[in-house]
Amino acid sequence: MSSSFCEWEKTNGIVHLKLTGADGHHYLTDEGLKELCSELAKIREDAASGPCRALITTSSPGSFCDGIDYDDLKRSMNPAEQAKALSDGMAAVIKELLEMPMLTVCAATGDAASLGLALALAHDDLVVLSDASYRLGMVEDGVAVQPHIASLVREKTDRWYTLTTLKSRWRSGNWMRKWYFADCEAGTPDGVLVEAKKLVEEWAGSDGEVHADMRKQLYRESWNAVSVLQLVPE
């Protein structure tokens, strides 16, 4: 199934979700986030009607997801309000991923930044490209980090400050793996997908709902943060 921002298919019980933006950046817009949230909801509903072992999220060639287009943001009438709207849209996506009744793996086959990195971290497992670049930033770009994004980053790693300080630097996939932001790394985009599939094969879980409930307990702060927002897409 497809929309203008993403598409997915299920093969042998594994759902493959791909970001399909045409510009290679896969920037997140209000419309794109609503589409992504809607497709994730359909995947979750599909899992209730038939066996699903895992969700693997990747992207078409280019960056995995560069998140906010700051040049476009500066041209908007109210940049701060628009940035918050995008962060709220990402909250809805994070909520869908935390509720997903199956293993979720992000195969980040390219760069990821701002809300794009939050999207990657919202999965159970993360595979990165060794020489790609990853950075949360946002603060130095004049955008406040919303509570649900901060909660997610804090719960995913004890070195969150290296991604969110006022002078955060781009980090390589090799660095991400070394400091346990990522579960695996590979030298090529195809290799990233291979490693993601290996993680799926290694997973021994069988009850998706139990897995989702455990995820909410392990990432309680993140779950509570996205649950308190009004997250029904228009």
C-alpha atoms as a PDB file:
ATOM      1  CA  MET A   1       0.000   0.000   0.000  1.00  0.00           C
ATOM      2  CA  SER A   2       1.273   3.497  -0.741  1.00  0.00           C
ATOM      3  CA  SER A   3       0.787   7.217  -0.265  1.00  0.00           C
ATOM      4  CA  SER A   4       2.820  10.113  -1.609  1.00  0.00           C
ATOM      5  CA  PHE A   5       5.216  10.032   1.362  1.00  0.00           C
ATOM      6  CA  CYS A   6       5.531   6.345   2.153  1.00  0.00           C
ATOM      7  CA  GLU A   7       4.581   2.855   1.018  1.00  0.00           C
ATOM      8  CA  TRP A   8       4.509  -0.580   2.599  1.00  0.00           C
ATOM      9  CA  GLU A   9       4.047  -4.242   1.831  1.00  0.00           C
ATOM     10  CA  LYS A  10       4.010  -7.415   3.877  1.00  0.00           C
ATOM     11  CA  THR A  11       6.117 -10.404   2.862  1.00  0.00           C
ATOM     12  CA  ASN A  12       6.328 -13.598   4.898  1.00  0.00           C
ATOM     13  CA  GLY A  13       4.943 -11.832   7.932  1.00  0.00           C
ATOM     14  CA  ILE A  14       7.431  -8.939   7.749  1.00  0.00           C
ATOM     15  CA  VAL A  15       6.134  -5.461   6.962  1.00  0.00           C
ATOM     16  CA  HIS A  16       8.508  -3.328   4.880  1.00  0.00           C
ATOM     17  CA  LEU A  17       7.741   0.385   5.224  1.00  0.00           C
ATOM     18  CA  LYS A  18       9.634   2.791   2.944  1.00  0.00           C
ATOM     19  CA  LEU A  19       9.775   6.591   2.970  1.00  0.00           C
ATOM     20  CA  THR A  20       9.431   7.633  -0.662  1.00  0.00           C
ATOM     21  CA  GLY A  21      10.016  11.388  -0.794  1.00  0.00           C
ATOM     22  CA  ALA A  22      11.190  12.455  -4.244  1.00  0.00           C
ATOM     23  CA  ASP A  23      13.878  14.961  -3.208  1.00  0.00           C
ATOM     24  CA  GLY A  24      16.195  12.520  -1.428  1.00  0.00           C
ATOM     25  CA  HIS A  25      15.857  14.374   1.890  1.00  0.00           C
ATOM     26  CA  HIS A  26      12.516  12.902   3.003  1.00  0.00           C
ATOM     27  CA  TYR A  27      11.771  16.123   4.866  1.00  0.00           C
ATOM     28  CA  LEU A  28       8.857  15.861   7.276  1.00  0.00           C
ATOM     29  CA  THR A  29       5.849  18.061   6.546  1.00  0.00           C
ATOM     30  CA  ASP A  30       2.446  18.246   8.221  1.00  0.00           C
ATOM     31  CA  GLU A  31       0.969  16.236   5.359  1.00  0.00           C
ATOM     32  CA  GLY A  32       3.802  13.704   5.320  1.00  0.00           C
ATOM     33  CA  LEU A  33       3.538  13.077   9.056  1.00  0.00           C
ATOM     34  CA  LYS A  34      -0.226  12.577   8.806  1.00  0.00           C
ATOM     35  CA  GLU A  35       0.280  10.100   5.958  1.00  0.00           C
ATOM     36  CA  LEU A  36       2.990   8.249   7.875  1.00  0.00           C
ATOM     37  CA  CYS A  37       0.814   8.066  10.989  1.00  0.00           C
ATOM     38  CA  SER A  38      -2.133   6.844   8.934  1.00  0.00           C
ATOM     39  CA  GLU A  39      -0.095   4.109   7.251  1.00  0.00           C
ATOM     40  CA  LEU A  40       1.346   2.967  10.591  1.00  0.00           C
ATOM     41  CA  ALA A  41      -2.199   2.723  11.951  1.00  0.00           C
ATOM     42  CA  LYS A  42      -3.160   0.551   8.961  1.00  0.00           C
ATOM     43  CA  ILE A  43      -0.138  -1.675   9.606  1.00  0.00           C
ATOM     44  CA  ARG A  44      -1.136  -2.023  13.254  1.00  0.00           C
ATOM     45  CA  GLU A  45      -4.696  -2.925  12.243  1.00  0.00           C
ATOM     46  CA  ASP A  46      -3.382  -5.432   9.707  1.00  0.00           C
ATOM     47  CA  ALA A  47      -1.319  -7.077  12.434  1.00  0.00           C
ATOM     48  CA  ALA A  48      -4.497  -7.677  14.416  1.00  0.00           C
ATOM     49  CA  SER A  49      -6.007  -9.668  11.542  1.00  0.00           C
ATOM     50  CA  GLY A  50      -3.016 -11.821  10.654  1.00  0.00           C
ATOM     51  CA  PRO A  51       0.443 -12.768  11.905  1.00  0.00           C
ATOM     52  CA  CYS A  52       3.125 -10.068  11.640  1.00  0.00           C
ATOM     53  CA  ARG A  53       6.632 -10.772  12.874  1.00  0.00           C
ATOM     54  CA  ALA A  54       8.235  -7.375  12.456  1.00  0.00           C
ATOM     55  CA  LEU A  55       8.220  -3.935  10.874  1.00  0.00           C
ATOM     56  CA  ILE A  56      11.340  -2.763   9.015  1.00  0.00           C
ATOM     57  CA  THR A  57      11.398   0.944   8.144  1.00  0.00           C
ATOM     58  CA  THR A  58      13.750   2.268   5.490  1.00  0.00           C
ATOM     59  CA  SER A  59      13.758   4.907   2.743  1.00  0.00           C
ATOM     60  CA  SER A  60      14.337   5.393  -0.962  1.00  0.00           C
ATOM     61  CA  PRO A  61      17.866   6.529  -2.000  1.00  0.00           C
ATOM     62  CA  GLY A  62      19.248   9.615  -0.279  1.00  0.00           C
ATOM     63  CA  SER A  63      19.023  10.528   3.378  1.00  0.00           C
ATOM     64  CA  PHE A  64      16.964   8.276   5.600  1.00  0.00           C
ATOM     65  CA  CYS A  65      15.121  11.342   6.879  1.00  0.00           C
ATOM     66  CA  ASP A  66      16.464  14.878   7.292  1.00  0.00           C
ATOM     67  CA  GLY A  67      13.528  15.825   9.477  1.00  0.00           C
ATOM     68  CA  ILE A  68      12.724  19.539   9.514  1.00  0.00           C
ATOM     69  CA  ASP A  69      13.520  21.627   6.445  1.00  0.00           C
ATOM     70  CA  TYR A  70      14.852  24.672   8.308  1.00  0.00           C
ATOM     71  CA  ASP A  71      15.052  26.841   5.181  1.00  0.00           C
ATOM     72  CA  ASP A  72      11.379  26.218   4.535  1.00  0.00           C
ATOM     73  CA  LEU A  73      10.603  26.752   8.212  1.00  0.00           C
ATOM     74  CA  LYS A  74      12.204  30.216   8.180  1.00  0.00           C
ATOM     75  CA  ARG A  75       9.946  31.209   5.294  1.00  0.00           C
ATOM     76  CA  SER A  76       6.764  30.338   7.210  1.00  0.00           C
ATOM     77  CA  MET A  77       4.597  32.990   8.857  1.00  0.00           C
ATOM     78  CA  ASN A  78       5.226  31.619  12.355  1.00  0.00           C
ATOM     79  CA  PRO A  79       8.319  29.366  12.507  1.00  0.00           C
ATOM     80  CA  ALA A  80       7.954  28.502  16.207  1.00  0.00           C
ATOM     81  CA  GLU A  81       4.313  27.473  15.791  1.00  0.00           C
ATOM     82  CA  GLN A  82       5.088  25.470  12.662  1.00  0.00           C
ATOM     83  CA  ALA A  83       7.992  23.691  14.373  1.00  0.00           C
ATOM     84  CA  LYS A  84       5.745  22.732  17.281  1.00  0.00           C
ATOM     85  CA  ALA A  85       3.112  21.431  14.861  1.00  0.00           C
ATOM     86  CA  LEU A  86       5.729  19.213  13.217  1.00  0.00           C
ATOM     87  CA  SER A  87       6.910  17.939  16.610  1.00  0.00           C
ATOM     88  CA  ASP A  88       3.309  17.179  17.581  1.00  0.00           C
ATOM     89  CA  GLY A  89       2.872  15.305  14.312  1.00  0.00           C
ATOM     90  CA  MET A  90       5.952  13.258  15.134  1.00  0.00           C
ATOM     91  CA  ALA A  91       4.443  12.514  18.557  1.00  0.00           C
ATOM     92  CA  ALA A  92       1.541  10.783  16.816  1.00  0.00           C
ATOM     93  CA  VAL A  93       4.016   8.717  14.773  1.00  0.00           C
ATOM     94  CA  ILE A  94       6.020   7.787  17.879  1.00  0.00           C
ATOM     95  CA  LYS A  95       2.822   6.710  19.619  1.00  0.00           C
ATOM     96  CA  GLU A  96       1.934   4.408  16.728  1.00  0.00           C
ATOM     97  CA  LEU A  97       5.412   2.847  16.823  1.00  0.00           C
ATOM     98  CA  LEU A  98       5.305   2.334  20.601  1.00  0.00           C
ATOM     99  CA  GLU A  99       1.914   0.612  20.213  1.00  0.00           C
ATOM    100  CA  MET A 100       3.020  -1.583  17.304  1.00  0.00           C
ATOM    101  CA  PRO A 101       2.354  -5.263  18.226  1.00  0.00           C
ATOM    102  CA  MET A 102       5.576  -6.562  16.701  1.00  0.00           C
ATOM    103  CA  LEU A 103       9.301  -5.933  16.652  1.00  0.00           C
ATOM    104  CA  THR A 104      10.184  -2.625  14.961  1.00  0.00           C
ATOM    105  CA  VAL A 105      13.546  -2.105  13.253  1.00  0.00           C
ATOM    106  CA  CYS A 106      14.756   1.079  11.561  1.00  0.00           C
ATOM    107  CA  ALA A 107      17.192   0.496   8.706  1.00  0.00           C
ATOM    108  CA  ALA A 108      18.636   4.012   8.415  1.00  0.00           C
ATOM    109  CA  THR A 109      20.343   3.694   5.036  1.00  0.00           C
ATOM    110  CA  GLY A 110      21.370   7.377   4.992  1.00  0.00           C
ATOM    111  CA  ASP A 111      21.626  10.524   7.085  1.00  0.00           C
ATOM    112  CA  ALA A 112      19.059  11.341   9.770  1.00  0.00           C
ATOM    113  CA  ALA A 113      18.557  14.668  11.514  1.00  0.00           C
ATOM    114  CA  SER A 114      16.186  16.467  13.898  1.00  0.00           C
ATOM    115  CA  LEU A 115      12.783  14.747  13.853  1.00  0.00           C
ATOM    116  CA  GLY A 116      14.187  12.220  11.366  1.00  0.00           C
ATOM    117  CA  LEU A 117      16.571  10.962  14.039  1.00  0.00           C
ATOM    118  CA  ALA A 118      13.684  10.852  16.510  1.00  0.00           C
ATOM    119  CA  LEU A 119      11.798   8.679  14.011  1.00  0.00           C
ATOM    120  CA  ALA A 120      14.758   6.289  13.829  1.00  0.00           C
ATOM    121  CA  LEU A 121      15.156   6.112  17.618  1.00  0.00           C
ATOM    122  CA  ALA A 122      11.454   5.401  18.104  1.00  0.00           C
ATOM    123  CA  HIS A 123      11.996   1.870  16.766  1.00  0.00           C
ATOM    124  CA  ASP A 124      13.034  -1.050  18.973  1.00  0.00           C
ATOM    125  CA  ASP A 125      16.271  -1.561  17.045  1.00  0.00           C
ATOM    126  CA  LEU A 126      18.324   0.745  14.840  1.00  0.00           C
ATOM    127  CA  VAL A 127      20.794  -0.184  12.085  1.00  0.00           C
ATOM    128  CA  VAL A 128      22.932   2.652  10.688  1.00  0.00           C
ATOM    129  CA  LEU A 129      25.171   3.258   7.693  1.00  0.00           C
ATOM    130  CA  SER A 130      28.800   3.499   8.848  1.00  0.00           C
ATOM    131  CA  ASP A 131      29.704   6.690   6.974  1.00  0.00           C
ATOM    132  CA  ALA A 132      26.293   8.394   7.144  1.00  0.00           C
ATOM    133  CA  SER A 133      25.724  11.304   9.533  1.00  0.00           C
ATOM    134  CA  TYR A 134      23.274  11.551  12.427  1.00  0.00           C
ATOM    135  CA  ARG A 135      22.340  14.565  14.540  1.00  0.00           C
ATOM    136  CA  LEU A 136      19.403  15.801  16.563  1.00  0.00           C
ATOM    137  CA  GLY A 137      20.420  19.472  16.614  1.00  0.00           C
ATOM    138  CA  MET A 138      17.233  21.553  16.602  1.00  0.00           C
ATOM    139  CA  VAL A 139      18.239  23.862  19.459  1.00  0.00           C
ATOM    140  CA  GLU A 140      21.049  25.520  17.528  1.00  0.00           C
ATOM    141  CA  ASP A 141      18.658  25.791  14.596  1.00  0.00           C
ATOM    142  CA  GLY A 142      16.306  27.868  16.717  1.00  0.00           C
ATOM    143  CA  VAL A 143      13.788  25.103  17.441  1.00  0.00           C
ATOM    144  CA  ALA A 144      12.934  23.996  20.973  1.00  0.00           C
ATOM    145  CA  VAL A 145      13.074  20.268  21.616  1.00  0.00           C
ATOM    146  CA  GLN A 146       9.580  19.218  22.651  1.00  0.00           C
ATOM    147  CA  PRO A 147       9.156  17.101  25.835  1.00  0.00           C
ATOM    148  CA  HIS A 148       8.241  13.883  24.005  1.00  0.00           C
ATOM    149  CA  ILE A 149      11.353  14.117  21.794  1.00  0.00           C
ATOM    150  CA  ALA A 150      13.576  14.816  24.805  1.00  0.00           C
ATOM    151  CA  SER A 151      12.040  11.874  26.691  1.00  0.00           C
ATOM    152  CA  LEU A 152      12.657   9.515  23.792  1.00  0.00           C
ATOM    153  CA  VAL A 153      16.317  10.509  23.428  1.00  0.00           C
ATOM    154  CA  ARG A 154      16.953  10.286  27.193  1.00  0.00           C
ATOM    155  CA  GLU A 155      15.404   6.828  27.429  1.00  0.00           C
ATOM    156  CA  LYS A 156      17.234   5.498  24.392  1.00  0.00           C
ATOM    157  CA  THR A 157      20.758   6.408  25.528  1.00  0.00           C
ATOM    158  CA  ASP A 158      22.635   7.746  28.531  1.00  0.00           C
ATOM    159  CA  ARG A 159      24.736   9.915  26.184  1.00  0.00           C
ATOM    160  CA  TRP A 160      21.781  12.022  25.042  1.00  0.00           C
ATOM    161  CA  TYR A 161      23.666  15.241  25.736  1.00  0.00           C
ATOM    162  CA  THR A 162      26.051  14.574  22.833  1.00  0.00           C
ATOM    163  CA  LEU A 163      23.114  14.939  20.447  1.00  0.00           C
ATOM    164  CA  THR A 164      21.228  17.796  22.084  1.00  0.00           C
ATOM    165  CA  THR A 165      23.766  20.300  23.411  1.00  0.00           C
ATOM    166  CA  LEU A 166      23.857  23.797  21.914  1.00  0.00           C
ATOM    167  CA  LYS A 167      26.840  22.786  19.791  1.00  0.00           C
ATOM    168  CA  SER A 168      25.935  19.212  18.923  1.00  0.00           C
ATOM    169  CA  ARG A 169      27.946  17.772  16.055  1.00  0.00           C
ATOM    170  CA  TRP A 170      27.059  15.406  13.250  1.00  0.00           C
ATOM    171  CA  ARG A 171      27.936  11.855  14.303  1.00  0.00           C
ATOM    172  CA  SER A 172      28.911   9.015  11.987  1.00  0.00           C
ATOM    173  CA  GLY A 173      27.133   5.685  11.935  1.00  0.00           C
ATOM    174  CA  ASN A 174      30.326   4.138  13.294  1.00  0.00           C
ATOM    175  CA  TRP A 175      30.201   6.526  16.258  1.00  0.00           C
ATOM    176  CA  MET A 176      26.498   5.760  16.813  1.00  0.00           C
ATOM    177  CA  ARG A 177      27.250   2.043  17.016  1.00  0.00           C
ATOM    178  CA  LYS A 178      30.296   2.525  19.260  1.00  0.00           C
ATOM    179  CA  TRP A 179      28.269   4.435  21.843  1.00  0.00           C
ATOM    180  CA  TYR A 180      25.235   2.154  21.650  1.00  0.00           C
ATOM    181  CA  PHE A 181      22.821   4.548  19.969  1.00  0.00           C
ATOM    182  CA  ALA A 182      22.520   1.907  17.263  1.00  0.00           C
ATOM    183  CA  ASP A 183      22.313  -1.883  17.479  1.00  0.00           C
ATOM    184  CA  CYS A 184      24.224  -2.597  14.260  1.00  0.00           C
ATOM    185  CA  GLU A 185      26.037  -0.826  11.445  1.00  0.00           C
ATOM    186  CA  ALA A 186      26.940  -1.709   7.863  1.00  0.00           C
ATOM    187  CA  GLY A 187      29.098  -0.200   5.144  1.00  0.00           C
ATOM    188  CA  THR A 188      26.454  -0.092   2.404  1.00  0.00           C
ATOM    189  CA  PRO A 189      22.704   0.589   2.240  1.00  0.00           C
ATOM    190  CA  ASP A 190      22.107  -3.023   1.166  1.00  0.00           C
ATOM    191  CA  GLY A 191      24.195  -4.164   4.125  1.00  0.00           C
ATOM    192  CA  VAL A 192      22.015  -2.090   6.473  1.00  0.00           C
ATOM    193  CA  LEU A 193      18.950  -3.972   5.216  1.00  0.00           C
ATOM    194  CA  VAL A 194      20.718  -7.317   5.642  1.00  0.00           C
ATOM    195  CA  GLU A 195      21.562  -6.467   9.258  1.00  0.00           C
ATOM    196  CA  ALA A 196      17.980  -5.347   9.905  1.00  0.00           C
ATOM    197  CA  LYS A 197      16.663  -8.678   8.634  1.00  0.00           C
ATOM    198  CA  LYS A 198      19.155 -10.509  10.863  1.00  0.00           C
ATOM    199  CA  LEU A 199      17.761  -8.693  13.896  1.00  0.00           C
ATOM    200  CA  VAL A 200      14.280  -9.842  12.899  1.00  0.00           C
ATOM    201  CA  GLU A 201      15.461 -13.445  12.585  1.00  0.00           C
ATOM    202  CA  GLU A 202      17.096 -13.263  16.013  1.00  0.00           C
ATOM    203  CA  TRP A 203      13.940 -12.039  17.716  1.00  0.00           C
ATOM    204  CA  ALA A 204      12.269 -14.829  19.642  1.00  0.00           C
ATOM    205  CA  GLY A 205       9.033 -13.057  20.625  1.00  0.00           C
ATOM    206  CA  SER A 206       5.692 -14.480  19.556  1.00  0.00           C
ATOM    207  CA  ASP A 207       3.033 -12.360  21.285  1.00  0.00           C
ATOM    208  CA  GLY A 208       2.954  -8.914  19.714  1.00  0.00           C
ATOM    209  CA  GLU A 209       0.600  -7.379  22.261  1.00  0.00           C
ATOM    210  CA  VAL A 210       2.840  -8.475  25.129  1.00  0.00           C
ATOM    211  CA  HIS A 211       5.796  -6.973  23.271  1.00  0.00           C
ATOM    212  CA  ALA A 212       3.958  -3.658  22.859  1.00  0.00           C
ATOM    213  CA  ASP A 213       2.952  -3.603  26.540  1.00  0.00           C
ATOM    214  CA  MET A 214       6.533  -4.277  27.622  1.00  0.00           C
ATOM    215  CA  ARG A 215       7.796  -1.518  25.323  1.00  0.00           C
ATOM    216  CA  LYS A 216       5.440   0.985  26.959  1.00  0.00           C
ATOM    217  CA  GLN A 217       6.754  -0.029  30.389  1.00  0.00           C
ATOM    218  CA  LEU A 218      10.414   0.209  29.378  1.00  0.00           C
ATOM    219  CA  TYR A 219       9.897   3.599  27.726  1.00  0.00           C
ATOM    220  CA  ARG A 220       7.279   4.845  30.174  1.00  0.00           C
ATOM    221  CA  GLU A 221       8.322   8.499  30.064  1.00  0.00           C
ATOM    222  CA  SER A 222       8.110   8.570  26.265  1.00  0.00           C
ATOM    223  CA  TRP A 223       4.791   6.724  26.256  1.00  0.00           C
ATOM    224  CA  ASN A 224       3.281   9.091  28.821  1.00  0.00           C
ATOM    225  CA  ALA A 225       4.594  12.130  26.915  1.00  0.00           C
ATOM    226  CA  VAL A 226       2.958  11.164  23.599  1.00  0.00           C
ATOM    227  CA  SER A 227      -0.203   9.860  25.244  1.00  0.00           C
ATOM    228  CA  VAL A 228      -1.156  13.186  26.826  1.00  0.00           C
ATOM    229  CA  LEU A 229      -1.221  15.038  23.502  1.00  0.00           C
ATOM    230  CA  GLN A 230      -4.197  15.282  21.145  1.00  0.00           C
ATOM    231  CA  LEU A 231      -2.917  12.820  18.565  1.00  0.00           C
ATOM    232  CA  VAL A 232      -5.820  12.164  16.225  1.00  0.00           C
ATOM    233  CA  PRO A 233      -4.774  13.225  12.693  1.00  0.00           C
ATOM    234  CA  GLU A 234      -7.140  15.602  10.925  1.00  0.00           C
END
